[in-house]
Protein backbone atom coordinates (compact mmCIF):
# COMPACT_ATOMS: atom_id res chain seq x y z
CA UNK A 1 -16.65 24.43 31.14
CA UNK A 2 -19.47 26.26 29.34
CA UNK A 3 -17.95 27.50 26.08
CA UNK A 4 -21.18 29.10 24.89
CA UNK A 5 -24.29 30.38 26.66
CA UNK A 6 -27.77 29.93 25.19
CA UNK A 7 -27.90 33.30 23.40
CA UNK A 8 -24.48 32.62 21.92
CA UNK A 9 -25.74 29.24 20.75
CA UNK A 10 -28.65 30.90 18.93
CA UNK A 11 -26.31 33.34 17.18
CA UNK A 12 -23.99 30.47 16.31
CA UNK A 13 -26.87 28.50 14.78
CA UNK A 14 -27.68 31.45 12.48
CA UNK A 15 -24.03 31.74 11.39
CA UNK A 16 -23.88 27.98 10.84
CA UNK A 17 -26.99 28.10 8.65
CA UNK A 18 -25.63 31.06 6.68
CA UNK A 19 -22.28 29.32 6.01
CA UNK A 20 -23.98 26.03 5.16
CA UNK A 21 -26.39 27.63 2.70
CA UNK A 22 -23.61 29.61 1.06
CA UNK A 23 -21.44 26.50 0.63
CA UNK A 24 -24.31 24.49 -0.85
CA UNK A 25 -25.29 27.23 -3.30
CA UNK A 26 -21.93 28.69 -4.38
CA UNK A 27 -19.33 25.97 -3.74
CA UNK A 28 -20.78 22.48 -4.15
CA UNK A 29 -21.83 22.84 -7.83
CA UNK A 30 -18.31 23.88 -8.91
CA UNK A 31 -15.95 22.22 -6.45
CA UNK A 32 -15.01 19.11 -8.46
CA UNK A 33 -14.30 21.21 -11.55
CA UNK A 34 -12.07 23.55 -9.49
CA UNK A 35 -10.33 20.51 -8.00
CA UNK A 36 -9.68 18.86 -11.38
CA UNK A 37 -8.35 22.09 -12.92
CA UNK A 38 -6.51 23.28 -9.79
CA UNK A 39 -8.45 26.50 -10.27
CA UNK A 40 -8.50 29.09 -7.49
CA UNK A 41 -11.92 30.83 -7.69
CA UNK A 42 -10.90 34.28 -6.50
CA UNK A 43 -14.29 35.86 -7.28
CA UNK A 44 -15.88 33.46 -4.77
CA UNK A 45 -13.92 35.14 -1.99
CA UNK A 46 -15.48 38.50 -2.74
CA UNK A 47 -18.88 36.83 -2.37
CA UNK A 48 -17.73 35.36 0.96
CA UNK A 49 -16.63 38.88 1.96
CA UNK A 50 -20.17 40.09 1.35
CA UNK A 51 -21.36 37.40 3.77
CA UNK A 52 -18.85 38.54 6.42
CA UNK A 53 -16.74 35.37 6.19
CA UNK A 54 -13.51 37.16 5.13
CA UNK A 55 -13.25 39.28 8.26
CA UNK A 56 -14.84 37.13 10.95
CA UNK A 57 -12.35 38.22 13.63
CA UNK A 58 -11.86 41.79 12.37
CA UNK A 59 -13.64 44.45 14.49
CA UNK A 60 -16.53 46.32 12.89
CA UNK A 61 -14.57 49.60 12.98
CA UNK A 62 -12.24 48.11 10.33
CA UNK A 63 -15.06 46.69 8.23
CA UNK A 64 -15.12 43.21 9.75
CA UNK A 65 -17.82 41.12 11.38
CA UNK A 66 -16.31 41.54 14.85
CA UNK A 67 -17.05 38.00 15.98
CA UNK A 68 -15.01 35.52 18.01
CA UNK A 69 -13.36 32.15 17.57
CA UNK A 70 -16.52 30.07 18.19
CA UNK A 71 -18.17 31.73 15.19
CA UNK A 72 -14.95 31.47 13.19
CA UNK A 73 -14.59 27.73 13.91
CA UNK A 74 -18.21 27.26 12.79
CA UNK A 75 -17.74 29.08 9.47
CA UNK A 76 -14.55 27.18 8.57
CA UNK A 77 -16.06 23.86 9.58
CA UNK A 78 -19.23 24.34 7.52
CA UNK A 79 -17.35 25.41 4.38
CA UNK A 80 -14.86 22.53 4.77
CA UNK A 81 -17.68 19.98 4.99
CA UNK A 82 -18.45 20.88 1.39
CA UNK A 83 -14.99 21.77 0.01
CA UNK A 84 -11.86 21.64 2.13
CA UNK A 85 -9.83 23.61 -0.44
CA UNK A 86 -12.08 26.64 -0.03
CA UNK A 87 -12.10 26.06 3.75
CA UNK A 88 -8.30 26.10 3.77
CA UNK A 89 -8.06 29.31 1.75
CA UNK A 90 -10.68 30.98 3.94
CA UNK A 91 -8.76 29.90 7.06
CA UNK A 92 -5.39 31.09 5.73
CA UNK A 93 -6.85 34.46 4.73
CA UNK A 94 -8.50 35.06 8.12
CA UNK A 95 -6.08 33.58 10.62
CA UNK A 96 -2.71 34.30 9.01
CA UNK A 97 -2.37 37.33 6.73
CA UNK A 98 -5.37 39.34 7.95
CA UNK A 99 -4.93 38.38 11.60
CA UNK A 100 -1.24 39.35 11.62
CA UNK A 101 -2.11 42.89 10.52
CA UNK A 102 -4.98 42.99 13.04
CA UNK A 103 -2.84 41.80 15.95
CA UNK A 104 0.40 43.66 15.29
CA UNK A 105 -0.35 46.49 12.86
CA UNK A 106 -0.48 50.12 13.97
CA UNK A 107 -3.65 52.14 13.54
CA UNK A 108 -2.61 53.48 10.13
CA UNK A 109 -1.82 49.98 8.83
CA UNK A 110 -5.08 48.55 10.13
CA UNK A 111 -7.15 51.32 8.53
CA UNK A 112 -5.29 50.95 5.25
CA UNK A 113 -5.48 47.17 4.83
CA UNK A 114 -8.17 45.56 6.99
CA UNK A 115 -11.34 46.97 5.33
CA UNK A 116 -10.44 45.59 1.89
CA UNK A 117 -9.34 42.25 3.38
CA UNK A 118 -12.53 41.95 5.43
CA UNK A 119 -14.73 42.79 2.42
CA UNK A 120 -13.04 40.19 0.23
CA UNK A 121 -11.88 42.84 -2.24
CA UNK A 122 -8.37 41.73 -1.29
CA UNK A 123 -7.19 38.18 -0.52
CA UNK A 124 -4.37 37.75 2.01
CA UNK A 125 -1.21 35.66 1.98
CA UNK A 126 1.33 34.93 4.74
CA UNK A 127 4.95 34.00 4.13
CA UNK A 128 7.05 32.16 6.70
CA UNK A 129 8.14 28.86 5.10
CA UNK A 130 11.09 28.50 2.73
CA UNK A 131 12.31 25.55 0.65
CA UNK A 132 14.82 24.49 3.29
CA UNK A 133 13.19 25.90 6.41
CA UNK A 134 9.79 24.44 7.20
CA UNK A 135 9.58 23.84 10.93
CA UNK A 136 13.11 25.27 11.34
CA UNK A 137 12.06 28.87 10.68
CA UNK A 138 15.01 30.55 12.40
CA UNK A 139 17.34 29.38 9.61
CA UNK A 140 15.45 31.36 6.98
CA UNK A 141 17.54 32.71 4.11
CA UNK A 142 15.16 35.43 2.90
CA UNK A 143 16.73 38.68 4.14
CA UNK A 144 15.96 42.39 4.42
CA UNK A 145 18.82 44.87 4.56
CA UNK A 146 18.28 48.43 5.79
CA UNK A 147 18.92 51.19 3.24
CA UNK A 148 17.90 54.57 4.63
CA UNK A 149 14.11 54.63 5.04
CA UNK A 150 13.78 51.37 3.10
CA UNK A 151 14.49 47.67 3.53
CA UNK A 152 15.75 45.70 0.51
CA UNK A 153 14.32 42.16 0.51
CA UNK A 154 15.93 39.24 -1.32
CA UNK A 155 15.02 35.56 -1.28
CA UNK A 156 12.07 33.23 -1.75
CA UNK A 157 9.19 31.85 0.28
CA UNK A 158 7.57 28.49 -0.53
CA UNK A 159 4.25 26.72 0.07
CA UNK A 160 2.44 30.05 0.33
CA UNK A 161 -1.36 29.94 0.15
CA UNK A 162 -2.47 32.58 -2.41
CA UNK A 163 1.15 33.10 -3.50
CA UNK A 164 -0.02 34.14 -6.98
CA UNK A 165 -3.49 35.59 -6.43
CA UNK A 166 -3.08 37.21 -3.01
CA UNK A 167 -3.25 41.01 -3.05
CA UNK A 168 -1.74 41.88 0.34
CA UNK A 169 0.18 39.78 2.81
CA UNK A 170 2.65 39.55 5.64
CA UNK A 171 6.13 38.16 5.03
CA UNK A 172 8.67 37.16 7.68
CA UNK A 173 12.28 37.89 6.72
CA UNK A 174 15.64 37.88 8.45
CA UNK A 175 16.90 41.32 9.51
CA UNK A 176 19.49 39.99 11.97
CA UNK A 177 21.73 37.01 12.57
CA UNK A 178 20.95 33.41 11.70
CA UNK A 179 19.29 31.48 14.59
CA UNK A 180 18.55 34.73 16.47
CA UNK A 181 14.86 34.79 17.46
CA UNK A 182 15.20 38.59 17.57
CA UNK A 183 16.65 38.60 14.06
CA UNK A 184 13.37 38.21 12.15
CA UNK A 185 10.96 40.99 11.17
CA UNK A 186 7.47 41.10 9.62
CA UNK A 187 6.51 43.34 6.70
CA UNK A 188 3.21 44.05 4.94
CA UNK A 189 3.77 43.34 1.25
CA UNK A 190 1.56 44.52 -1.60
CA UNK A 191 1.29 42.58 -4.87
CA UNK A 192 2.38 45.48 -7.08
CA UNK A 193 5.65 46.23 -5.23
CA UNK A 194 8.62 46.37 -7.58
CA UNK A 195 10.96 43.41 -7.18
CA UNK A 196 8.19 41.17 -5.82
CA UNK A 197 6.73 38.40 -7.98
CA UNK A 198 5.08 35.00 -7.83
CA UNK A 199 7.04 31.86 -8.64
CA UNK A 200 6.16 28.22 -9.19
CA UNK A 201 2.64 27.00 -8.43
CA UNK A 202 2.62 23.61 -6.68
CA UNK A 203 0.85 20.62 -8.28
CA UNK A 204 -0.73 18.94 -5.25
CA UNK A 205 -2.33 15.69 -4.16
CA UNK A 206 -5.23 17.47 -2.44
CA UNK A 207 -6.51 20.94 -1.58
CA UNK A 208 -6.14 21.55 -5.29
CA UNK A 209 -8.47 24.56 -5.53
CA UNK A 210 -6.48 26.33 -2.81
CA UNK A 211 -3.58 28.00 -4.57
CA UNK A 212 -0.09 27.24 -3.23
CA UNK A 213 2.90 28.99 -4.77
CA UNK A 214 6.31 30.56 -4.32
CA UNK A 215 7.01 34.21 -3.48
CA UNK A 216 10.12 35.72 -5.07
CA UNK A 217 11.92 38.86 -3.86
CA UNK A 218 14.62 40.43 -6.03
CA UNK A 219 15.87 43.68 -4.54
CA UNK A 220 12.34 44.50 -3.44
CA UNK A 221 12.45 47.92 -1.73
CA UNK A 222 9.95 48.15 1.11
CA UNK A 223 9.44 51.37 3.08
CA UNK A 224 9.95 51.20 6.84
CA UNK A 225 6.26 52.13 7.25
CA UNK A 226 5.46 48.55 6.12
CA UNK A 227 7.19 47.05 9.16
CA UNK A 228 4.75 45.41 11.60
CA UNK A 229 5.71 46.30 15.15
CA UNK A 230 9.43 46.81 15.66
CA UNK A 231 12.38 45.32 13.84
CA UNK A 232 13.26 41.92 15.32
CA UNK A 233 9.76 41.12 16.63
CA UNK A 234 8.65 39.00 13.67
CA UNK A 235 9.43 35.54 15.04
CA UNK A 236 7.61 36.18 18.33
CA UNK A 237 4.65 37.59 16.35
CA UNK A 238 4.62 34.54 14.07
CA UNK A 239 4.47 32.12 16.99
CA UNK A 240 1.42 33.97 18.37
CA UNK A 241 -0.22 33.96 14.94
CA UNK A 242 0.33 30.21 14.68
CA UNK A 243 -1.52 29.67 17.99
CA UNK A 244 -4.66 30.96 16.26
CA UNK A 245 -3.70 29.25 13.01
CA UNK A 246 -3.72 25.88 14.73
CA UNK A 247 -7.34 26.47 15.77
CA UNK A 248 -8.09 27.19 12.09
CA UNK A 249 -6.59 23.90 10.94
CA UNK A 250 -8.39 22.06 13.75
CA UNK A 251 -11.68 23.57 12.51
CA UNK A 252 -10.79 22.68 8.92
CA UNK A 253 -9.98 19.11 10.00
CA UNK A 254 -13.27 18.93 11.86
CA UNK A 255 -15.15 19.96 8.72
CA UNK A 256 -13.42 17.32 6.61
CA UNK A 257 -14.07 14.64 9.24
CA UNK A 258 -17.75 15.56 9.55
CA UNK A 259 -18.20 15.65 5.78
CA UNK A 260 -16.59 12.23 5.37
CA UNK A 261 -18.53 10.76 8.29
CA UNK A 262 -21.90 12.03 7.01
CA UNK A 263 -21.15 10.58 3.58
CA UNK A 264 -20.28 7.19 5.14
CA UNK A 265 -23.39 7.20 7.34
CA UNK A 266 -25.66 8.01 4.38
CA UNK A 267 -24.06 5.40 2.12
CA UNK A 268 -24.15 2.69 4.80
CA UNK A 269 -27.92 3.11 5.14
CA UNK A 270 -28.50 2.96 1.38
CA UNK A 271 -26.07 0.25 0.30
CA UNK A 272 -27.39 -3.29 0.66
CA UNK A 273 -25.44 -6.54 0.79
CA UNK A 274 -26.70 -10.01 1.74
CA UNK A 275 -30.25 -8.66 1.84
CA UNK A 276 -29.80 -5.76 4.28
CA UNK A 277 -28.23 -2.32 4.62
CA UNK A 278 -24.52 -2.56 5.39
CA UNK A 279 -25.06 -0.31 8.45
CA UNK A 280 -26.74 -3.35 10.04
CA UNK A 281 -23.42 -5.21 10.05
CA UNK A 282 -21.41 -4.73 13.22
CA UNK A 283 -18.16 -4.22 11.31
CA UNK A 284 -19.63 -1.11 9.66
CA UNK A 285 -21.67 0.06 12.67
CA UNK A 286 -18.56 -0.02 14.90
CA UNK A 287 -16.60 1.99 12.33
CA UNK A 288 -19.34 4.64 12.42
CA UNK A 289 -19.29 4.59 16.24
CA UNK A 290 -15.52 5.20 16.27
CA UNK A 291 -15.81 8.02 13.73
CA UNK A 292 -18.58 9.79 15.65
CA UNK A 293 -16.78 9.48 19.00
CA UNK A 294 -13.46 10.76 17.67
CA UNK A 295 -15.13 13.71 15.92
CA UNK A 296 -16.97 14.63 19.13
CA UNK A 297 -13.72 14.58 21.13
CA UNK A 298 -11.85 16.62 18.50
CA UNK A 299 -14.65 19.21 18.43
CA UNK A 300 -14.62 19.65 22.21
CA UNK A 301 -10.86 20.23 22.15
CA UNK A 302 -11.19 22.69 19.25
CA UNK A 303 -14.02 24.58 20.97
CA UNK A 304 -11.98 24.74 24.18
CA UNK A 305 -9.08 26.28 22.26
CA UNK A 306 -11.50 28.84 20.79
CA UNK A 307 -12.84 29.63 24.25
CA UNK A 308 -9.32 30.23 25.60
CA UNK A 309 -8.43 32.46 22.63
CA UNK A 310 -11.62 34.52 22.96
CA UNK A 311 -10.95 35.03 26.68
CA UNK A 312 -7.27 35.96 26.20
CA UNK A 313 -6.10 32.95 28.20
CA UNK A 314 -2.95 30.88 27.46
CA UNK A 315 -3.81 28.78 24.42
CA UNK A 316 -0.54 27.41 23.00
CA UNK A 317 -0.80 23.92 24.52
CA UNK A 318 -4.53 23.42 23.90
CA UNK A 319 -4.44 24.80 20.35
CA UNK A 320 -1.58 22.40 19.56
CA UNK A 321 -3.57 19.54 21.09
CA UNK A 322 -6.67 20.51 19.09
CA UNK A 323 -4.73 20.78 15.83
CA UNK A 324 -2.88 17.51 16.44
CA UNK A 325 -5.95 15.50 17.41
CA UNK A 326 -8.42 16.94 14.89
CA UNK A 327 -5.99 16.56 11.97
CA UNK A 328 -5.18 12.93 12.80
CA UNK A 329 -8.89 12.20 13.32
CA UNK A 330 -9.79 13.70 9.95
CA UNK A 331 -7.27 11.47 8.14
CA UNK A 332 -8.57 8.39 9.96
CA UNK A 333 -12.24 9.23 9.38
CA UNK A 334 -11.64 9.99 5.67
CA UNK A 335 -9.78 6.67 5.30
CA UNK A 336 -12.51 4.70 7.08
CA UNK A 337 -15.18 6.43 5.04
CA UNK A 338 -13.60 5.15 1.84
CA UNK A 339 -13.55 1.66 3.39
CA UNK A 340 -17.28 1.90 4.15
CA UNK A 341 -17.92 2.90 0.52
CA UNK A 342 -15.82 0.01 -0.81
CA UNK A 343 -14.93 0.34 -4.50
CA UNK A 344 -17.27 3.30 -4.96
CA UNK A 345 -15.24 5.25 -2.40
CA UNK A 346 -12.27 5.07 -4.74
CA UNK A 347 -14.14 6.84 -7.54
CA UNK A 348 -14.88 10.52 -8.08
CA UNK A 349 -18.62 9.77 -8.21
CA UNK A 350 -18.66 9.93 -4.41
CA UNK A 351 -17.23 12.77 -2.26
CA UNK A 352 -15.03 10.67 0.01
CA UNK A 353 -12.03 10.31 -2.31
CA UNK A 354 -11.66 14.11 -2.24
CA UNK A 355 -11.96 14.25 1.56
CA UNK A 356 -9.28 11.53 1.68
CA UNK A 357 -6.87 13.49 -0.57
CA UNK A 358 -7.52 16.78 1.20
CA UNK A 359 -7.26 15.40 4.74
CA UNK A 360 -3.52 14.69 4.70
CA UNK A 361 -2.55 18.34 4.43
CA UNK A 362 -4.07 18.96 7.88
CA UNK A 363 -1.38 16.83 9.57
CA UNK A 364 1.35 18.83 7.76
CA UNK A 365 0.28 22.48 7.33
CA UNK A 366 0.88 25.10 10.05
CA UNK A 367 3.11 22.68 11.95
CA UNK A 368 3.27 18.92 11.44
CA UNK A 369 1.78 16.50 13.97
CA UNK A 370 5.33 15.91 15.20
CA UNK A 371 5.81 19.65 15.82
CA UNK A 372 2.49 19.77 17.70
CA UNK A 373 3.75 16.97 19.97
CA UNK A 374 6.93 18.98 20.53
CA UNK A 375 4.88 22.07 21.48
CA UNK A 376 2.60 20.02 23.77
CA UNK A 377 5.42 18.13 25.52
CA UNK A 378 7.48 21.28 26.10
CA UNK A 379 4.41 22.94 27.59
CA UNK A 380 3.76 19.95 29.87
CA UNK A 381 7.36 19.80 31.06
CA UNK A 382 7.45 23.57 31.62
CA UNK A 383 4.23 23.37 33.66
């Protein structure tokens, strides 16, 4: 299957170069400081908006770049090769909050919110998960009760990327009965809405410069005009959003894996033991061969998922496969890269310890590896 023709490849190469140069200039010099301080560099995202990275999938009529998933995968992957935290935040902004408004918003909502999200003036958040409902979303306790032209929202959302700094987002809340897939609705939430606040910020192992926090709703009155689609359609919308989100995490995983592999390759050529570069030893050379092969396979699966999404073909199974494989590969490659570096890999003087810490999130976020296997197996058995 030809995922990209030659002219598309040329355009992709320009986007790749643009993302790579941006990451080297604006992210690499600061990334370890941001990681140490758990600092979310919000001003960076406005700069990324100026480059077109904050609205990659948003049509030009709404201020976006109007590109497809191949370009989007490339941008995320290049940024993540330098700093996975920034790659994660960029992915969450594009594929979750912004994409939900793009896919399910009415014309008025799109015109109101998308231009500022695409420009980077606003950063998006997306709220599905709660403290006791991760994969089990239909048991959510955050509710919205109808009161005339308004809905009154009460409850909390956890593990939300940009939970403190995000300006505009989409939140999934229960408007019907527990366990009813038609009992969940999606609302566009603005930061300054009365009764809406940010809660606890998580202190994390990795992805430390990507802000993760709690959303708190205390009698937050939201006008019915903020409803995305119709009441009761939120869960179905969320599942479609996650199809694209899995491609994002696959691209993020790919970036981490490539970054860790390149670091291992470089170090193995420079580090000498017993009178020769360690890359000359079969034990190391075979590790590099495994890394390169697994990355290649994960990229093909990720690109295939992007191709299906761009061509409006069924993508659920393949995006789950891409997310599952790429995330597991990135953990393995990051682990092996530390092994290649030996003791140095365990220090912050080399980039691989950060890739190692950041990699694990990819097997958890936007559906664990176990959930991906559930999605894949159900799809296979249904087929």
